[in-house]
Amino acid sequence: MALIVSTDSTFSDLTKTGLVLVDFWAEWCGPCQLMLPRLTELASTTEGKATIAKHDVDSDPTIPSQFRIMSIPTMILFKDGQPVEKWVGAQDVATLDAAIAKHA
């Protein structure tokens, strides 16, 4: 499965059911660019268990401000619409995969 793009208008539908990992990022952010291949890998290994999405904080700032995103990348794992885990900064695929497995 490919990465899904989350926007302010699609966010609530995207996260309301199941497990969804949302990466809050920006084009100009170096660590965010570092996460891109890791998230692509994670999307392929967690297919059927979780959805992996990217939310651009510059083009769609409303949702990031609701979750008080101050640093990027910030990743939040949602389960049925509720945040259950949060990471700030670049993360290993294994860390994110373990959290998805724990909540699946």
Protein backbone atom coordinates (compact mmCIF):
# COMPACT_ATOMS: atom_id res chain seq x y z
CA MET A 1 0.00 0.00 0.00
CA ALA A 2 1.21 3.49 -0.80
CA LEU A 3 1.34 6.44 1.55
CA ILE A 4 -1.93 8.34 1.77
CA VAL A 5 -2.06 12.13 1.77
CA SER A 6 -4.05 13.57 4.66
CA THR A 7 -5.53 17.07 4.42
CA ASP A 8 -7.52 19.19 6.86
CA SER A 9 -10.70 18.15 5.02
CA THR A 10 -9.96 14.39 4.81
CA PHE A 11 -8.31 13.89 8.22
CA SER A 12 -11.35 12.94 10.32
CA ASP A 13 -12.66 10.41 7.77
CA LEU A 14 -9.17 8.97 7.39
CA THR A 15 -8.55 8.46 11.10
CA LYS A 16 -12.03 7.56 12.40
CA THR A 17 -11.68 3.75 12.12
CA GLY A 18 -8.79 1.35 12.50
CA LEU A 19 -5.12 2.16 13.01
CA VAL A 20 -3.71 5.17 11.16
CA LEU A 21 -0.19 6.54 11.56
CA VAL A 22 -0.11 10.21 10.53
CA ASP A 23 3.24 11.85 9.83
CA PHE A 24 3.01 15.64 10.23
CA TRP A 25 5.74 17.00 7.96
CA ALA A 26 6.85 19.79 5.59
CA GLU A 27 8.70 19.76 2.26
CA TRP A 28 11.58 21.91 3.60
CA CYS A 29 12.22 19.70 6.68
CA GLY A 30 15.36 17.51 6.40
CA PRO A 31 14.36 14.91 9.02
CA CYS A 32 10.92 14.73 7.36
CA GLN A 33 12.60 13.82 4.05
CA LEU A 34 14.60 11.16 5.91
CA MET A 35 11.32 9.60 7.08
CA LEU A 36 9.82 9.28 3.59
CA PRO A 37 11.50 5.97 2.58
CA ARG A 38 10.95 4.60 6.09
CA LEU A 39 7.23 5.38 5.95
CA THR A 40 6.98 3.92 2.44
CA GLU A 41 8.58 0.71 3.75
CA LEU A 42 6.25 0.70 6.76
CA ALA A 43 3.20 1.16 4.49
CA SER A 44 4.18 -1.98 2.56
CA THR A 45 4.83 -4.11 5.65
CA THR A 46 1.73 -3.06 7.61
CA GLU A 47 -0.79 -3.42 4.78
CA GLY A 48 -4.05 -4.70 6.20
CA LYS A 49 -3.05 -3.71 9.76
CA ALA A 50 -2.62 0.06 9.52
CA THR A 51 -2.84 3.01 7.16
CA ILE A 52 0.20 5.27 6.84
CA ALA A 53 -0.53 8.91 5.98
CA LYS A 54 1.40 12.16 5.56
CA HIS A 55 -0.08 15.53 6.52
CA ASP A 56 1.70 18.67 5.22
CA VAL A 57 1.71 21.25 8.05
CA ASP A 58 2.25 24.14 5.62
CA SER A 59 -0.55 23.46 3.14
CA ASP A 60 -3.04 22.12 5.74
CA PRO A 61 -2.28 23.77 9.12
CA THR A 62 -5.63 23.42 10.93
CA ILE A 63 -5.31 19.79 12.08
CA PRO A 64 -1.65 20.16 13.16
CA SER A 65 -2.60 23.17 15.30
CA GLN A 66 -5.46 21.20 16.90
CA PHE A 67 -2.92 18.57 17.97
CA ARG A 68 -0.42 21.25 19.04
CA ILE A 69 2.29 20.09 16.63
CA MET A 70 5.31 22.28 17.46
CA SER A 71 8.14 20.25 15.91
CA ILE A 72 8.29 18.16 12.78
CA PRO A 73 8.35 15.41 11.95
CA THR A 74 5.76 14.44 14.53
CA MET A 75 4.01 11.10 14.07
CA ILE A 76 0.78 10.22 15.85
CA LEU A 77 -0.77 6.77 15.82
CA PHE A 78 -4.57 6.94 15.91
CA LYS A 79 -6.83 4.03 16.84
CA ASP A 80 -10.50 4.54 15.95
CA GLY A 81 -10.03 8.32 15.89
CA GLN A 82 -8.11 8.62 19.18
CA PRO A 83 -4.36 9.28 19.49
CA VAL A 84 -2.65 6.33 21.22
CA GLU A 85 1.07 6.97 20.56
CA LYS A 86 3.17 10.00 19.57
CA TRP A 87 6.77 10.50 18.42
CA VAL A 88 8.70 13.68 17.68
CA GLY A 89 11.70 13.47 15.35
CA ALA A 90 12.87 10.80 12.93
CA GLN A 91 12.08 7.24 14.05
CA ASP A 92 13.21 3.75 13.09
CA VAL A 93 10.78 1.58 11.13
CA ALA A 94 11.04 -1.05 13.90
CA THR A 95 9.83 1.42 16.56
CA LEU A 96 6.77 2.41 14.54
CA ASP A 97 6.06 -1.18 13.46
CA ALA A 98 6.17 -2.39 17.09
CA ALA A 99 3.66 0.29 18.15
CA ILE A 100 1.31 -0.68 15.31
CA ALA A 101 1.58 -4.35 16.29
CA LYS A 102 0.87 -3.47 19.94
CA HIS A 103 -2.38 -1.66 19.06
CA ALA A 104 -3.53 -3.94 16.20
